[in-house]
Amino acid sequence: MTLRNLLLALAFLAATALPVRAQQPAAPAAPPAAPQAADPSPMASEIIFSGKLYSPLKLSVQLPFTSQIATMPTQIGQKVKKNDVLATFEIPMETRMAEKRNLNLAQVKEVEHLLSAANRDLEKFRVKRKELEMMEKQNLATSQALAQNALEIDAVEKQRVALTERLNLEKDMAQQRLELARDRFGPKANFGSLPNEGIVKAPVDGYVLWINPELRQGVKLSRDTELFQVGLLDPILIRAQVHEIEALRLKLGDKAKVTFDSLPGKTLEASISRIPWAPLPTALHQPSYYEIELTLPNPDFSLKEGLKAQVSITPKK
């Protein structure tokens, strides 16, 4: 009887377990693998790729000291000449004191004093030399005295040469410090005197491409804060990464048709100006890409940095 009951219990459990398994959802099918982009054909009649616009020359202008902006008359897109004043800033008192200490002629005057003393000593020893020579003729001076005098003259002459070289060095360094001060504080800076305001100047002929959004009159900014970017926009450059198969078909000077999604209906002509021999870093199993450069005329400055360009080139056979 016990065996019969055990068999009935097992049969009941098996019957109730089968529907539960049937209700479990089937495992989802694995998604199909994404197809890999095919390499460009070396026989294609046209090479098409995209790139971005860059300024051929762009220099950063920084604030030399932690200070408060006094004036900022410059606007984005403004044409500037080298050394044009872009902004002025108030020079903190501690900065002015430190700069005044550097901008002095104390070292020059000290060396001039030492050189003057050496010249006087040399003149005394030369006069003594003549006296000793006359006394020697009268047997009133020994050869040892003449030799000692000669050593003294030689030592002073060497000292004079060293002081002359040091004086020239000190004068050159003082002049360089003055030029640096005038570059930071304007032409009114001089030895022992500094204006109350410093200046920030354009580093090159060109256009103001960018202005720090925090830059405005009365704002205090820290040292080395980037204030402006000044550069060129005509011509402008297109930089693009090109597959190795396509890069080998391109040559310097090849013409290209350029279009922009942001400028519909406008087609421009550029020319290849740089093809590197070294590719961009990539894994060993991946194809190489080369960052080429094209030059595009931009006389009306309608093209700006960062615009995405579509480039089409028909390689020469």
Foldseek 3Di string as FASTA:
>chain_A
DVVVVVVVVVVVVVVVVVVVVVPDDDDDDDDDDDDDDDDDDLPDQKDKDKWFWDFPDKDWFWFAAFFAWAAAPDDAFDWDAFFAFRTKTFDDPVRVVVLLVLQACPVLVVLVVVLVVLVVQLVVLVVVLVVQVVCVVVVNHDVVVNVVSVVSNVVSVVVNVVSVVVNVVSVVSNVVSQVVLCSFQNPVDHNNDGDRMTTTTDRHGAGWNDADPQDDHGDGDGRGDTGTMGGHVFWMKTKTKAFPSVLVLDDFFFKKWKDFPVDPPDIFIKTWHDWDPDFDDDDPVDTTITITMIIGGDVPVPDGGGTMMMIMTRGDD
